[in-house]
Amino acid sequence: MRARGEPRVKVVVTAVVLIAVIAVSSMLSNVYAVASDEYVFDFKFGSPGAGDGRFDDPIGVAYDPNNNRIIVADTRNHRIQVFSPNYTLTLYEGSNPSDGVINLDEDITAKVRTNNTNIVNVKFTWIDPNDNIANTNTVNIVNGEASDTYTPNQEGTWKVKAEFSDGTVIIKEINISVRVVPELIPMVGVGLVMGSLLAVLALYRKKRGDILLQN
């Protein structure tokens, strides 16, 4: 909704457009409306529920102008949701999105996407469980995407930080664990049992042979 006579403009969620952000929470519909001091209404997002981007009785919202993010207190879902509409960071194991856990010494790929055409590159930083920087790499954005692959060499929780050329930062965590091959355990057990049975059988045959010779 805009003032009568005002020209239509494309609403872009940037620090420039959101000069003075006011968040309006609707308890009945569980959506957030964002307005500026120039217009009554800019856009809305969210719906009732517990999934990503859904709310249950949200009671607070804040705008982070440094990273161009909207932060919502999702009360009854007991969480804080952070929205950065122009930027995403996804971790991959091979061609599939990671479930958050990866085996030690396996590759993990961090991929960013953005529809902000002003972004030139993104700096990937891999941080080990001791908060030491293990690797950094700056990659140019091509067709709105950039990626970096790294092989963690230490157990624990790693952080992957993607810093866009406009200063926006996204951080994801990945848990690195030692590879476990559970099928080896039953195989070892079966081998021990079979070995014991063969030893008993051999001893039985020897004893039986000794008895027959004595008779």
N, C-alpha and C. Protein backbone atom coordinates (compact mmCIF):
# COMPACT_ATOMS: atom_id res chain seq x y z
N MET A 1 0.85 -1.18 0.00
CA MET A 1 0.00 0.00 0.00
C MET A 1 0.88 1.23 0.00
N ARG A 2 0.63 2.14 -0.89
CA ARG A 2 1.44 3.33 -0.97
C ARG A 2 0.55 4.56 -1.02
N ALA A 3 1.11 5.71 -0.74
CA ALA A 3 0.34 6.95 -0.76
C ALA A 3 -0.17 7.21 -2.17
N ARG A 4 -1.37 7.73 -2.26
CA ARG A 4 -1.99 7.97 -3.56
C ARG A 4 -1.13 8.95 -4.37
N GLY A 5 -0.92 8.57 -5.62
CA GLY A 5 -0.12 9.44 -6.48
C GLY A 5 1.34 9.10 -6.48
N GLU A 6 1.78 8.28 -5.50
CA GLU A 6 3.18 7.90 -5.46
C GLU A 6 3.45 6.83 -6.53
N PRO A 7 4.60 6.92 -7.23
CA PRO A 7 4.91 5.89 -8.25
C PRO A 7 5.24 4.56 -7.60
N ARG A 8 4.96 3.47 -8.32
CA ARG A 8 5.31 2.14 -7.83
C ARG A 8 6.82 1.95 -7.94
N VAL A 9 7.42 1.39 -6.96
CA VAL A 9 8.84 1.08 -7.00
C VAL A 9 9.01 -0.35 -6.52
N LYS A 10 10.05 -0.99 -6.97
CA LYS A 10 10.36 -2.35 -6.53
C LYS A 10 10.93 -2.29 -5.13
N VAL A 11 10.32 -3.06 -4.24
CA VAL A 11 10.78 -3.07 -2.85
C VAL A 11 11.99 -3.99 -2.74
N VAL A 12 13.10 -3.46 -2.35
CA VAL A 12 14.32 -4.22 -2.16
C VAL A 12 14.75 -4.07 -0.72
N VAL A 13 14.96 -5.21 -0.04
CA VAL A 13 15.30 -5.16 1.38
C VAL A 13 16.79 -4.90 1.50
N THR A 14 17.15 -3.66 1.55
CA THR A 14 18.54 -3.29 1.75
C THR A 14 18.60 -2.21 2.80
N ALA A 15 19.81 -1.96 3.26
CA ALA A 15 19.97 -0.93 4.30
C ALA A 15 19.60 0.44 3.76
N VAL A 16 19.70 0.62 2.43
CA VAL A 16 19.37 1.91 1.85
C VAL A 16 17.86 2.13 1.87
N VAL A 17 17.09 1.12 1.44
CA VAL A 17 15.64 1.25 1.38
C VAL A 17 15.04 1.30 2.77
N LEU A 18 15.51 0.41 3.65
CA LEU A 18 14.97 0.38 5.01
C LEU A 18 15.67 1.44 5.85
N ILE A 19 15.32 2.69 5.59
CA ILE A 19 15.95 3.80 6.30
C ILE A 19 15.58 3.78 7.77
N ALA A 20 14.30 3.61 8.02
CA ALA A 20 13.84 3.53 9.41
C ALA A 20 12.85 2.40 9.47
N VAL A 21 13.29 1.24 9.90
CA VAL A 21 12.46 0.04 9.87
C VAL A 21 11.60 -0.05 11.11
N ILE A 22 10.32 -0.33 10.88
CA ILE A 22 9.39 -0.58 11.97
C ILE A 22 8.77 -1.93 11.73
N ALA A 23 8.88 -2.84 12.66
CA ALA A 23 8.29 -4.17 12.50
C ALA A 23 6.96 -4.23 13.22
N VAL A 24 5.95 -4.74 12.54
CA VAL A 24 4.62 -4.85 13.11
C VAL A 24 4.28 -6.33 13.24
N SER A 25 4.07 -6.81 14.45
CA SER A 25 3.78 -8.22 14.67
C SER A 25 2.28 -8.43 14.75
N SER A 26 1.79 -9.41 13.97
CA SER A 26 0.38 -9.77 14.02
C SER A 26 0.23 -11.09 14.75
N MET A 27 -0.32 -11.06 15.96
CA MET A 27 -0.44 -12.26 16.77
C MET A 27 -1.47 -13.23 16.20
N LEU A 28 -2.46 -12.72 15.46
CA LEU A 28 -3.52 -13.58 14.98
C LEU A 28 -3.08 -14.37 13.75
N SER A 29 -2.37 -13.73 12.86
CA SER A 29 -1.99 -14.39 11.61
C SER A 29 -0.57 -14.91 11.63
N ASN A 30 0.20 -14.58 12.66
CA ASN A 30 1.59 -15.01 12.77
C ASN A 30 2.41 -14.64 11.53
N VAL A 31 2.28 -13.40 11.11
CA VAL A 31 3.10 -12.89 10.01
C VAL A 31 3.75 -11.60 10.49
N TYR A 32 4.83 -11.21 9.83
CA TYR A 32 5.46 -9.94 10.12
C TYR A 32 5.33 -9.01 8.94
N ALA A 33 4.98 -7.78 9.23
CA ALA A 33 4.92 -6.74 8.21
C ALA A 33 6.03 -5.75 8.49
N VAL A 34 6.73 -5.32 7.45
CA VAL A 34 7.82 -4.38 7.61
C VAL A 34 7.46 -3.09 6.88
N ALA A 35 7.60 -1.97 7.58
CA ALA A 35 7.24 -0.68 7.00
C ALA A 35 8.37 0.31 7.21
N SER A 36 8.42 1.32 6.37
CA SER A 36 9.37 2.42 6.53
C SER A 36 8.58 3.67 6.85
N ASP A 37 9.28 4.77 7.11
CA ASP A 37 8.57 6.00 7.44
C ASP A 37 8.01 6.70 6.21
N GLU A 38 8.28 6.16 5.01
CA GLU A 38 7.74 6.75 3.79
C GLU A 38 6.43 6.10 3.36
N TYR A 39 6.26 4.80 3.70
CA TYR A 39 5.10 4.06 3.27
C TYR A 39 4.50 3.31 4.44
N VAL A 40 3.22 3.04 4.36
CA VAL A 40 2.52 2.32 5.41
C VAL A 40 2.94 0.86 5.43
N PHE A 41 3.12 0.27 4.24
CA PHE A 41 3.39 -1.16 4.17
C PHE A 41 4.37 -1.45 3.04
N ASP A 42 5.40 -2.26 3.35
CA ASP A 42 6.38 -2.64 2.34
C ASP A 42 6.23 -4.09 1.92
N PHE A 43 6.27 -5.02 2.86
CA PHE A 43 6.10 -6.42 2.51
C PHE A 43 5.79 -7.21 3.77
N LYS A 44 5.37 -8.45 3.60
CA LYS A 44 5.12 -9.32 4.74
C LYS A 44 5.71 -10.70 4.47
N PHE A 45 5.96 -11.44 5.53
CA PHE A 45 6.50 -12.79 5.38
C PHE A 45 6.10 -13.62 6.59
N GLY A 46 6.13 -14.96 6.42
CA GLY A 46 5.82 -15.86 7.52
C GLY A 46 4.40 -16.37 7.48
N SER A 47 4.18 -17.47 8.22
CA SER A 47 2.86 -18.07 8.36
C SER A 47 2.86 -18.91 9.63
N PRO A 48 1.69 -19.33 10.12
CA PRO A 48 1.65 -20.12 11.37
C PRO A 48 2.33 -21.47 11.21
N GLY A 49 2.99 -21.92 12.26
CA GLY A 49 3.61 -23.24 12.23
C GLY A 49 4.92 -23.28 12.97
N ALA A 50 5.64 -24.40 12.82
CA ALA A 50 6.90 -24.61 13.54
C ALA A 50 8.09 -24.79 12.62
N GLY A 51 7.88 -24.82 11.30
CA GLY A 51 8.99 -25.01 10.38
C GLY A 51 9.76 -23.72 10.15
N ASP A 52 10.79 -23.81 9.31
CA ASP A 52 11.57 -22.62 8.97
C ASP A 52 10.67 -21.57 8.31
N GLY A 53 10.79 -20.34 8.79
CA GLY A 53 10.00 -19.25 8.23
C GLY A 53 8.57 -19.19 8.74
N ARG A 54 8.23 -20.06 9.71
CA ARG A 54 6.90 -20.06 10.31
C ARG A 54 6.99 -19.63 11.77
N PHE A 55 5.89 -19.09 12.30
CA PHE A 55 5.91 -18.54 13.65
C PHE A 55 4.75 -19.05 14.50
N ASP A 56 4.98 -19.04 15.79
CA ASP A 56 3.93 -19.32 16.76
C ASP A 56 4.04 -18.27 17.85
N ASP A 57 3.18 -17.24 17.76
CA ASP A 57 3.14 -16.15 18.73
C ASP A 57 4.45 -15.36 18.77
N PRO A 58 4.90 -14.80 17.63
CA PRO A 58 6.11 -13.98 17.64
C PRO A 58 5.85 -12.66 18.36
N ILE A 59 6.75 -12.24 19.21
CA ILE A 59 6.50 -11.01 19.99
C ILE A 59 7.55 -9.94 19.81
N GLY A 60 8.60 -10.21 19.05
CA GLY A 60 9.63 -9.18 18.90
C GLY A 60 10.38 -9.33 17.58
N VAL A 61 10.85 -8.22 17.06
CA VAL A 61 11.60 -8.23 15.81
C VAL A 61 12.63 -7.11 15.85
N ALA A 62 13.76 -7.35 15.21
CA ALA A 62 14.80 -6.32 15.13
C ALA A 62 15.43 -6.37 13.75
N TYR A 63 15.96 -5.23 13.33
CA TYR A 63 16.65 -5.17 12.05
C TYR A 63 18.13 -4.91 12.29
N ASP A 64 18.98 -5.72 11.66
CA ASP A 64 20.43 -5.58 11.77
C ASP A 64 20.94 -4.87 10.52
N PRO A 65 21.17 -3.57 10.57
CA PRO A 65 21.57 -2.83 9.37
C PRO A 65 22.97 -3.17 8.89
N ASN A 66 23.83 -3.67 9.78
CA ASN A 66 25.20 -4.00 9.39
C ASN A 66 25.25 -5.21 8.47
N ASN A 67 24.35 -6.17 8.71
CA ASN A 67 24.34 -7.40 7.91
C ASN A 67 23.06 -7.57 7.11
N ASN A 68 22.20 -6.53 7.12
CA ASN A 68 20.95 -6.56 6.36
C ASN A 68 20.11 -7.78 6.70
N ARG A 69 19.84 -7.98 8.00
CA ARG A 69 19.09 -9.15 8.46
C ARG A 69 17.90 -8.72 9.31
N ILE A 70 16.84 -9.52 9.27
CA ILE A 70 15.69 -9.33 10.14
C ILE A 70 15.69 -10.46 11.15
N ILE A 71 15.60 -10.13 12.43
CA ILE A 71 15.68 -11.11 13.52
C ILE A 71 14.35 -11.13 14.26
N VAL A 72 13.75 -12.33 14.36
CA VAL A 72 12.42 -12.46 14.95
C VAL A 72 12.47 -13.37 16.17
N ALA A 73 11.83 -12.94 17.27
CA ALA A 73 11.68 -13.78 18.46
C ALA A 73 10.42 -14.62 18.30
N ASP A 74 10.61 -15.90 17.98
CA ASP A 74 9.51 -16.83 17.75
C ASP A 74 9.17 -17.51 19.08
N THR A 75 8.28 -16.89 19.86
CA THR A 75 8.12 -17.20 21.28
C THR A 75 7.76 -18.65 21.58
N ARG A 76 6.63 -19.11 21.08
CA ARG A 76 6.17 -20.45 21.46
C ARG A 76 6.93 -21.58 20.78
N ASN A 77 7.72 -21.24 19.77
CA ASN A 77 8.62 -22.23 19.18
C ASN A 77 9.98 -22.22 19.87
N HIS A 78 10.12 -21.32 20.86
CA HIS A 78 11.33 -21.24 21.69
C HIS A 78 12.60 -21.08 20.85
N ARG A 79 12.60 -20.08 19.98
CA ARG A 79 13.76 -19.89 19.13
C ARG A 79 13.81 -18.46 18.60
N ILE A 80 14.97 -18.11 18.07
CA ILE A 80 15.16 -16.85 17.36
C ILE A 80 15.39 -17.21 15.89
N GLN A 81 14.63 -16.61 15.00
CA GLN A 81 14.82 -16.85 13.57
C GLN A 81 15.47 -15.62 12.92
N VAL A 82 16.45 -15.88 12.08
CA VAL A 82 17.18 -14.81 11.41
C VAL A 82 16.94 -14.92 9.90
N PHE A 83 16.54 -13.83 9.29
CA PHE A 83 16.22 -13.82 7.86
C PHE A 83 17.15 -12.86 7.12
N SER A 84 17.80 -13.40 6.12
CA SER A 84 18.67 -12.61 5.26
C SER A 84 18.25 -12.89 3.82
N PRO A 85 17.30 -12.12 3.29
CA PRO A 85 16.63 -12.48 2.04
C PRO A 85 17.51 -12.56 0.81
N ASN A 86 18.64 -11.87 0.83
CA ASN A 86 19.47 -11.85 -0.38
C ASN A 86 20.63 -12.83 -0.35
N TYR A 87 20.81 -13.56 0.75
CA TYR A 87 22.01 -14.38 0.89
C TYR A 87 21.69 -15.74 1.52
N THR A 88 22.30 -16.81 1.00
CA THR A 88 22.16 -18.13 1.62
C THR A 88 23.52 -18.82 1.63
N LEU A 89 23.71 -19.69 2.61
CA LEU A 89 24.91 -20.53 2.70
C LEU A 89 24.46 -21.95 2.99
N THR A 90 24.83 -22.89 2.13
CA THR A 90 24.45 -24.29 2.29
C THR A 90 25.70 -25.15 2.24
N LEU A 91 25.77 -26.15 3.15
CA LEU A 91 26.89 -27.08 3.18
C LEU A 91 26.49 -28.37 2.48
N TYR A 92 27.40 -28.91 1.67
CA TYR A 92 27.12 -30.11 0.88
C TYR A 92 28.15 -31.21 1.16
N GLU A 93 27.65 -32.44 1.18
CA GLU A 93 28.50 -33.64 1.15
C GLU A 93 28.31 -34.25 -0.22
N GLY A 94 29.31 -34.10 -1.08
CA GLY A 94 29.13 -34.48 -2.47
C GLY A 94 28.12 -33.54 -3.12
N SER A 95 27.10 -34.12 -3.73
CA SER A 95 26.07 -33.29 -4.38
C SER A 95 24.83 -33.10 -3.50
N ASN A 96 24.85 -33.67 -2.29
CA ASN A 96 23.69 -33.61 -1.41
C ASN A 96 23.92 -32.65 -0.25
N PRO A 97 22.89 -31.91 0.15
CA PRO A 97 23.03 -31.04 1.34
C PRO A 97 23.40 -31.86 2.57
N SER A 98 24.31 -31.32 3.37
CA SER A 98 24.78 -32.05 4.56
C SER A 98 23.72 -32.07 5.64
N ASP A 99 23.71 -33.16 6.43
CA ASP A 99 22.81 -33.25 7.58
C ASP A 99 23.43 -32.66 8.84
N GLY A 100 24.59 -32.02 8.68
CA GLY A 100 25.24 -31.39 9.83
C GLY A 100 26.33 -32.23 10.46
N VAL A 101 26.50 -33.49 10.00
CA VAL A 101 27.53 -34.38 10.53
C VAL A 101 28.29 -34.98 9.35
N ILE A 102 29.63 -34.99 9.45
CA ILE A 102 30.44 -35.54 8.37
C ILE A 102 31.62 -36.29 8.98
N ASN A 103 32.09 -37.32 8.29
CA ASN A 103 33.22 -38.10 8.78
C ASN A 103 34.52 -37.33 8.62
N LEU A 104 35.44 -37.59 9.52
CA LEU A 104 36.75 -36.96 9.48
C LEU A 104 37.45 -37.28 8.16
N ASP A 105 38.16 -36.27 7.61
CA ASP A 105 38.93 -36.41 6.37
C ASP A 105 38.05 -36.59 5.14
N GLU A 106 36.78 -36.21 5.22
CA GLU A 106 35.93 -36.18 4.03
C GLU A 106 35.69 -34.73 3.62
N ASP A 107 35.49 -34.52 2.31
CA ASP A 107 35.30 -33.16 1.79
C ASP A 107 33.94 -32.61 2.19
N ILE A 108 33.92 -31.31 2.45
CA ILE A 108 32.66 -30.59 2.65
C ILE A 108 32.71 -29.34 1.77
N THR A 109 31.62 -29.07 1.06
CA THR A 109 31.56 -27.92 0.16
C THR A 109 30.58 -26.89 0.70
N ALA A 110 31.05 -25.65 0.78
CA ALA A 110 30.19 -24.54 1.20
C ALA A 110 29.79 -23.76 -0.06
N LYS A 111 28.49 -23.60 -0.27
CA LYS A 111 28.00 -22.89 -1.45
C LYS A 111 27.12 -21.73 -1.03
N VAL A 112 27.39 -20.56 -1.58
CA VAL A 112 26.56 -19.39 -1.30
C VAL A 112 25.79 -19.00 -2.55
N ARG A 113 24.62 -18.40 -2.30
CA ARG A 113 23.81 -17.86 -3.39
C ARG A 113 23.32 -16.48 -2.98
N THR A 114 23.24 -15.58 -3.94
CA THR A 114 22.72 -14.24 -3.68
C THR A 114 22.08 -13.68 -4.93
N ASN A 115 21.02 -12.90 -4.74
CA ASN A 115 20.42 -12.21 -5.88
C ASN A 115 20.80 -10.73 -5.89
N ASN A 116 21.78 -10.39 -5.05
CA ASN A 116 22.29 -9.02 -5.02
C ASN A 116 23.37 -8.90 -6.09
N THR A 117 23.06 -8.22 -7.17
CA THR A 117 23.99 -8.14 -8.29
C THR A 117 25.20 -7.25 -7.99
N ASN A 118 25.19 -6.56 -6.87
CA ASN A 118 26.33 -5.72 -6.50
C ASN A 118 27.43 -6.52 -5.80
N ILE A 119 27.15 -7.77 -5.44
CA ILE A 119 28.14 -8.59 -4.76
C ILE A 119 29.19 -9.07 -5.77
N VAL A 120 30.46 -8.83 -5.46
CA VAL A 120 31.55 -9.19 -6.37
C VAL A 120 32.15 -10.54 -6.00
N ASN A 121 32.39 -10.77 -4.71
CA ASN A 121 33.00 -12.01 -4.27
C ASN A 121 32.58 -12.34 -2.85
N VAL A 122 33.01 -13.49 -2.39
CA VAL A 122 32.72 -13.92 -1.02
C VAL A 122 33.96 -14.59 -0.46
N LYS A 123 34.26 -14.30 0.80
CA LYS A 123 35.42 -14.89 1.47
C LYS A 123 34.94 -16.02 2.37
N PHE A 124 35.44 -17.23 2.10
CA PHE A 124 35.12 -18.39 2.92
C PHE A 124 36.21 -18.58 3.98
N THR A 125 35.79 -18.75 5.22
CA THR A 125 36.73 -19.00 6.31
C THR A 125 36.31 -20.26 7.03
N TRP A 126 37.25 -21.21 7.18
CA TRP A 126 37.00 -22.48 7.87
C TRP A 126 37.67 -22.39 9.23
N ILE A 127 36.87 -22.54 10.29
CA ILE A 127 37.34 -22.36 11.67
C ILE A 127 37.25 -23.68 12.41
N ASP A 128 38.37 -24.12 13.00
CA ASP A 128 38.40 -25.43 13.65
C ASP A 128 37.76 -25.38 15.05
N PRO A 129 37.62 -26.53 15.73
CA PRO A 129 36.95 -26.56 17.04
C PRO A 129 37.62 -25.71 18.11
N ASN A 130 38.90 -25.34 17.90
CA ASN A 130 39.61 -24.49 18.86
C ASN A 130 39.53 -23.02 18.49
N ASP A 131 38.64 -22.70 17.54
CA ASP A 131 38.45 -21.32 17.06
C ASP A 131 39.67 -20.77 16.34
N ASN A 132 40.50 -21.65 15.79
CA ASN A 132 41.61 -21.22 14.96
C ASN A 132 41.19 -21.27 13.50
N ILE A 133 41.67 -20.30 12.72
CA ILE A 133 41.37 -20.28 11.28
C ILE A 133 42.22 -21.33 10.58
N ALA A 134 41.55 -22.32 10.00
CA ALA A 134 42.25 -23.41 9.32
C ALA A 134 42.50 -23.09 7.85
N ASN A 135 41.59 -22.33 7.24
CA ASN A 135 41.75 -22.03 5.82
C ASN A 135 40.85 -20.86 5.43
N THR A 136 41.31 -20.04 4.50
CA THR A 136 40.49 -18.96 3.93
C THR A 136 40.65 -18.97 2.42
N ASN A 137 39.59 -18.57 1.75
CA ASN A 137 39.63 -18.52 0.29
C ASN A 137 38.59 -17.53 -0.21
N THR A 138 38.99 -16.61 -1.05
CA THR A 138 38.07 -15.63 -1.63
C THR A 138 37.72 -16.06 -3.04
N VAL A 139 36.40 -16.19 -3.28
CA VAL A 139 35.91 -16.71 -4.56
C VAL A 139 34.99 -15.68 -5.21
N ASN A 140 35.15 -15.48 -6.49
CA ASN A 140 34.29 -14.54 -7.23
C ASN A 140 32.88 -15.12 -7.39
N ILE A 141 31.90 -14.24 -7.33
CA ILE A 141 30.51 -14.62 -7.56
C ILE A 141 30.27 -14.74 -9.07
N VAL A 142 29.75 -15.89 -9.50
CA VAL A 142 29.42 -16.11 -10.91
C VAL A 142 27.97 -16.58 -10.99
N ASN A 143 27.15 -15.81 -11.70
CA ASN A 143 25.72 -16.13 -11.82
C ASN A 143 25.05 -16.26 -10.46
N GLY A 144 25.47 -15.42 -9.54
CA GLY A 144 24.86 -15.40 -8.22
C GLY A 144 25.33 -16.48 -7.27
N GLU A 145 26.37 -17.25 -7.65
CA GLU A 145 26.82 -18.35 -6.81
C GLU A 145 28.34 -18.36 -6.66
N ALA A 146 28.80 -18.97 -5.57
CA ALA A 146 30.22 -19.22 -5.35
C ALA A 146 30.33 -20.37 -4.36
N SER A 147 31.41 -21.15 -4.46
CA SER A 147 31.56 -22.29 -3.56
C SER A 147 33.03 -22.51 -3.22
N ASP A 148 33.25 -23.21 -2.12
CA ASP A 148 34.60 -23.54 -1.67
C ASP A 148 34.55 -24.90 -1.00
N THR A 149 35.55 -25.75 -1.26
CA THR A 149 35.60 -27.10 -0.70
C THR A 149 36.81 -27.25 0.22
N TYR A 150 36.59 -27.89 1.36
CA TYR A 150 37.66 -28.08 2.33
C TYR A 150 37.51 -29.45 2.98
N THR A 151 38.63 -30.00 3.48
CA THR A 151 38.63 -31.29 4.15
C THR A 151 39.06 -31.11 5.60
N PRO A 152 38.13 -31.08 6.54
CA PRO A 152 38.48 -30.92 7.96
C PRO A 152 39.35 -32.09 8.43
N ASN A 153 40.35 -31.77 9.26
CA ASN A 153 41.28 -32.79 9.72
C ASN A 153 41.30 -32.94 11.24
N GLN A 154 40.21 -32.50 11.86
CA GLN A 154 40.13 -32.56 13.32
C GLN A 154 38.69 -32.80 13.75
N GLU A 155 38.52 -33.64 14.76
CA GLU A 155 37.18 -33.90 15.29
C GLU A 155 36.63 -32.67 16.00
N GLY A 156 35.29 -32.59 16.06
CA GLY A 156 34.65 -31.52 16.81
C GLY A 156 33.75 -30.67 15.93
N THR A 157 33.29 -29.56 16.46
CA THR A 157 32.39 -28.65 15.76
C THR A 157 33.17 -27.57 15.02
N TRP A 158 33.06 -27.58 13.71
CA TRP A 158 33.70 -26.58 12.86
C TRP A 158 32.70 -25.49 12.50
N LYS A 159 33.21 -24.32 12.17
CA LYS A 159 32.38 -23.22 11.68
C LYS A 159 32.85 -22.84 10.27
N VAL A 160 31.86 -22.58 9.43
CA VAL A 160 32.13 -22.09 8.08
C VAL A 160 31.54 -20.69 7.97
N LYS A 161 32.40 -19.72 7.72
CA LYS A 161 31.93 -18.33 7.63
C LYS A 161 32.04 -17.85 6.18
N ALA A 162 30.95 -17.31 5.69
CA ALA A 162 30.93 -16.72 4.35
C ALA A 162 30.73 -15.21 4.50
N GLU A 163 31.71 -14.45 4.08
CA GLU A 163 31.65 -12.99 4.18
C GLU A 163 31.57 -12.39 2.78
N PHE A 164 30.41 -11.80 2.48
CA PHE A 164 30.18 -11.22 1.16
C PHE A 164 30.89 -9.87 1.05
N SER A 165 31.10 -9.43 -0.19
CA SER A 165 31.87 -8.21 -0.41
C SER A 165 31.18 -6.96 0.11
N ASP A 166 29.89 -7.04 0.44
CA ASP A 166 29.22 -5.88 1.01
C ASP A 166 29.24 -5.92 2.55
N GLY A 167 29.92 -6.92 3.13
CA GLY A 167 30.04 -7.01 4.58
C GLY A 167 29.08 -7.97 5.24
N THR A 168 28.12 -8.50 4.49
CA THR A 168 27.18 -9.48 5.04
C THR A 168 27.92 -10.77 5.40
N VAL A 169 27.61 -11.31 6.59
CA VAL A 169 28.29 -12.52 7.07
C VAL A 169 27.25 -13.58 7.45
N ILE A 170 27.47 -14.80 6.98
CA ILE A 170 26.65 -15.95 7.36
C ILE A 170 27.59 -17.03 7.91
N ILE A 171 27.21 -17.64 9.03
CA ILE A 171 28.03 -18.68 9.66
C ILE A 171 27.19 -19.95 9.83
N LYS A 172 27.76 -21.08 9.43
CA LYS A 172 27.13 -22.38 9.63
C LYS A 172 28.09 -23.28 10.40
N GLU A 173 27.53 -24.24 11.17
CA GLU A 173 28.34 -25.19 11.92
C GLU A 173 28.22 -26.59 11.31
N ILE A 174 29.29 -27.36 11.44
CA ILE A 174 29.31 -28.75 10.96
C ILE A 174 30.06 -29.59 11.99
N ASN A 175 29.51 -30.74 12.33
CA ASN A 175 30.13 -31.62 13.32
C ASN A 175 30.97 -32.68 12.61
N ILE A 176 32.25 -32.74 12.94
CA ILE A 176 33.17 -33.68 12.34
C ILE A 176 33.42 -34.82 13.32
N SER A 177 33.19 -36.06 12.89
CA SER A 177 33.36 -37.22 13.76
C SER A 177 34.21 -38.29 13.07
N VAL A 178 34.75 -39.22 13.88
CA VAL A 178 35.56 -40.31 13.34
C VAL A 178 34.65 -41.31 12.66
N ARG A 179 35.09 -41.81 11.51
CA ARG A 179 34.30 -42.80 10.78
C ARG A 179 34.17 -44.09 11.60
N VAL A 180 32.96 -44.59 11.70
CA VAL A 180 32.70 -45.85 12.39
C VAL A 180 32.15 -46.85 11.39
N VAL A 181 32.75 -48.05 11.36
CA VAL A 181 32.28 -49.10 10.45
C VAL A 181 31.66 -50.20 11.29
N PRO A 182 30.37 -50.09 11.62
CA PRO A 182 29.75 -51.03 12.56
C PRO A 182 29.73 -52.47 12.08
N GLU A 183 29.76 -52.68 10.75
CA GLU A 183 29.68 -54.05 10.27
C GLU A 183 30.92 -54.86 10.63
N LEU A 184 32.03 -54.22 10.96
CA LEU A 184 33.23 -54.94 11.34
C LEU A 184 33.07 -55.62 12.70
N ILE A 185 32.27 -55.03 13.59
CA ILE A 185 32.13 -55.57 14.94
C ILE A 185 31.47 -56.94 14.92
N PRO A 186 30.32 -57.14 14.28
CA PRO A 186 29.74 -58.49 14.24
C PRO A 186 30.61 -59.48 13.50
N MET A 187 31.34 -59.04 12.47
CA MET A 187 32.21 -59.96 11.73
C MET A 187 33.33 -60.48 12.62
N VAL A 188 33.91 -59.59 13.45
CA VAL A 188 34.95 -60.03 14.38
C VAL A 188 34.38 -61.00 15.38
N GLY A 189 33.15 -60.72 15.87
CA GLY A 189 32.51 -61.61 16.84
C GLY A 189 32.25 -62.99 16.26
N VAL A 190 31.76 -63.03 15.02
CA VAL A 190 31.50 -64.31 14.35
C VAL A 190 32.79 -65.09 14.17
N GLY A 191 33.86 -64.38 13.82
CA GLY A 191 35.15 -65.04 13.63
C GLY A 191 35.65 -65.68 14.91
N LEU A 192 35.49 -64.96 16.03
CA LEU A 192 35.94 -65.50 17.31
C LEU A 192 35.13 -66.74 17.69
N VAL A 193 33.80 -66.69 17.50
CA VAL A 193 32.95 -67.83 17.84
C VAL A 193 33.29 -69.03 16.97
N MET A 194 33.46 -68.81 15.67
CA MET A 194 33.79 -69.90 14.77
C MET A 194 35.13 -70.52 15.12
N GLY A 195 36.09 -69.66 15.48
CA GLY A 195 37.40 -70.16 15.86
C GLY A 195 37.33 -71.02 17.11
N SER A 196 36.52 -70.57 18.08
CA SER A 196 36.37 -71.33 19.32
C SER A 196 35.72 -72.68 19.06
N LEU A 197 34.68 -72.69 18.22
CA LEU A 197 33.98 -73.94 17.90
C LEU A 197 34.91 -74.93 17.19
N LEU A 198 35.72 -74.43 16.27
CA LEU A 198 36.65 -75.30 15.57
C LEU A 198 37.68 -75.89 16.51
N ALA A 199 38.14 -75.06 17.47
CA ALA A 199 39.12 -75.54 18.44
C ALA A 199 38.52 -76.63 19.32
N VAL A 200 37.28 -76.43 19.77
CA VAL A 200 36.61 -77.43 20.60
C VAL A 200 36.41 -78.72 19.82
N LEU A 201 35.98 -78.57 18.55
CA LEU A 201 35.75 -79.75 17.71
C LEU A 201 37.04 -80.53 17.50
N ALA A 202 38.15 -79.83 17.26
CA ALA A 202 39.43 -80.50 17.06
C ALA A 202 39.87 -81.22 18.33
N LEU A 203 39.65 -80.56 19.49
CA LEU A 203 40.01 -81.19 20.76
C LEU A 203 39.17 -82.44 21.01
N TYR A 204 37.86 -82.35 20.66
CA TYR A 204 36.97 -83.50 20.85
C TYR A 204 37.42 -84.68 19.99
N ARG A 205 37.75 -84.39 18.72
CA ARG A 205 38.18 -85.45 17.82
C ARG A 205 39.48 -86.09 18.31
N LYS A 206 40.40 -85.29 18.87
CA LYS A 206 41.66 -85.82 19.37
C LYS A 206 41.42 -86.72 20.57
N LYS A 207 40.57 -86.28 21.49
CA LYS A 207 40.26 -87.08 22.68
C LYS A 207 39.60 -88.40 22.28
N ARG A 208 38.65 -88.29 21.31
CA ARG A 208 37.94 -89.50 20.87
C ARG A 208 38.90 -90.49 20.24
N GLY A 209 39.88 -89.96 19.47
CA GLY A 209 40.86 -90.83 18.85
C GLY A 209 41.76 -91.52 19.86
N ASP A 210 42.12 -90.76 20.92
CA ASP A 210 42.95 -91.35 21.98
C ASP A 210 42.21 -92.49 22.69
N ILE A 211 40.91 -92.32 22.92
CA ILE A 211 40.11 -93.33 23.62
C ILE A 211 40.01 -94.59 22.77
N LEU A 212 39.80 -94.42 21.45
CA LEU A 212 39.69 -95.58 20.56
C LEU A 212 41.00 -96.34 20.50
N LEU A 213 42.12 -95.65 20.53
CA LEU A 213 43.41 -96.33 20.49
C LEU A 213 43.65 -97.13 21.75
N GLN A 214 43.22 -96.56 22.88
CA GLN A 214 43.41 -97.27 24.16
C GLN A 214 42.56 -98.52 24.20
N ASN A 215 41.38 -98.51 23.62
CA ASN A 215 40.51 -99.67 23.61
C ASN A 215 41.04 -100.72 22.64
